[in-house]
């Protein structure tokens, strides 16, 4: 899991959640927190992870964010 990218996105979008990531290292994340973080990542994916205005070509950042979404989901599923 790319913790550095996760921290960057959380700090940008909801900095008050950074302690959840740093303190617990996401080991004990519950489904509510995990889904909330996945929502934050999805918003970032839509905003910065596409190459064109039609949002159909995912860029390298978008692929990394997609992987993070899956990684966070795998923590509690």
Protein backbone atom coordinates (compact mmCIF):
# COMPACT_ATOMS: atom_id res chain seq x y z
CA UNK A 1 0.00 0.00 0.00
CA UNK A 2 1.31 3.43 -0.93
CA UNK A 3 0.97 5.07 2.49
CA UNK A 4 2.74 8.21 1.29
CA UNK A 5 0.13 8.80 -1.43
CA UNK A 6 -2.68 7.97 0.99
CA UNK A 7 -1.33 10.49 3.50
CA UNK A 8 -0.96 13.14 0.78
CA UNK A 9 -4.57 12.76 -0.33
CA UNK A 10 -6.01 12.64 3.19
CA UNK A 11 -3.99 15.70 4.22
CA UNK A 12 -5.32 17.56 1.18
CA UNK A 13 -8.96 16.54 1.54
CA UNK A 14 -9.59 15.81 5.23
CA UNK A 15 -6.49 16.59 7.30
CA UNK A 16 -8.24 15.74 10.57
CA UNK A 17 -8.16 12.06 9.52
CA UNK A 18 -4.38 11.90 9.19
CA UNK A 19 -3.99 10.68 12.77
CA UNK A 20 -6.23 7.70 12.04
CA UNK A 21 -3.81 6.67 9.32
CA UNK A 22 -0.61 7.42 11.21
CA UNK A 23 -1.66 6.19 14.65
CA UNK A 24 -3.26 2.92 13.69
CA UNK A 25 -1.36 2.31 10.46
CA UNK A 26 -4.80 1.21 9.20
CA UNK A 27 -4.47 -2.14 10.99
CA UNK A 28 -7.72 -1.84 12.92
CA UNK A 29 -9.83 0.09 10.44
CA UNK A 30 -13.55 -0.58 10.52
CA UNK A 31 -15.86 -0.60 7.53
CA UNK A 32 -17.26 2.89 8.21
CA UNK A 33 -13.83 4.51 8.38
CA UNK A 34 -12.56 2.43 5.49
CA UNK A 35 -15.46 3.35 3.27
CA UNK A 36 -15.07 7.01 4.20
CA UNK A 37 -11.40 6.91 3.22
CA UNK A 38 -12.29 5.10 0.00
CA UNK A 39 -14.77 7.90 -0.76
CA UNK A 40 -12.02 10.47 -0.26
CA UNK A 41 -9.79 8.50 -2.61
CA UNK A 42 -12.56 8.23 -5.19
CA UNK A 43 -13.04 12.00 -5.14
CA UNK A 44 -9.31 12.45 -5.70
CA UNK A 45 -9.35 9.88 -8.51
CA UNK A 46 -12.10 11.78 -10.31
CA UNK A 47 -10.34 15.11 -9.82
CA UNK A 48 -6.73 14.20 -10.57
CA UNK A 49 -6.60 10.68 -11.98
CA UNK A 50 -7.93 11.24 -15.48
CA UNK A 51 -6.12 12.59 -18.53
CA UNK A 52 -8.99 14.04 -20.50
CA UNK A 53 -12.12 16.05 -19.95
CA UNK A 54 -14.32 13.04 -20.64
CA UNK A 55 -12.71 11.17 -17.73
CA UNK A 56 -12.15 8.06 -19.80
CA UNK A 57 -8.35 7.79 -19.80
CA UNK A 58 -6.90 7.02 -16.40
CA UNK A 59 -3.37 8.31 -15.82
CA UNK A 60 -0.59 6.85 -13.65
CA UNK A 61 -1.79 8.75 -10.59
CA UNK A 62 -5.29 7.44 -11.16
CA UNK A 63 -4.01 3.86 -11.34
CA UNK A 64 -2.15 4.35 -8.07
CA UNK A 65 -5.29 5.76 -6.45
CA UNK A 66 -7.39 2.86 -7.77
CA UNK A 67 -4.94 0.45 -6.16
CA UNK A 68 -5.19 2.38 -2.88
CA UNK A 69 -8.99 2.14 -3.01
CA UNK A 70 -8.67 -1.63 -3.39
CA UNK A 71 -5.96 -1.90 -0.70
CA UNK A 72 -8.04 0.02 1.84
CA UNK A 73 -11.09 -2.08 0.98
CA UNK A 74 -9.11 -5.28 1.53
CA UNK A 75 -8.32 -4.18 5.09
CA UNK A 76 -11.88 -4.64 6.26
CA UNK A 77 -13.63 -6.88 3.75
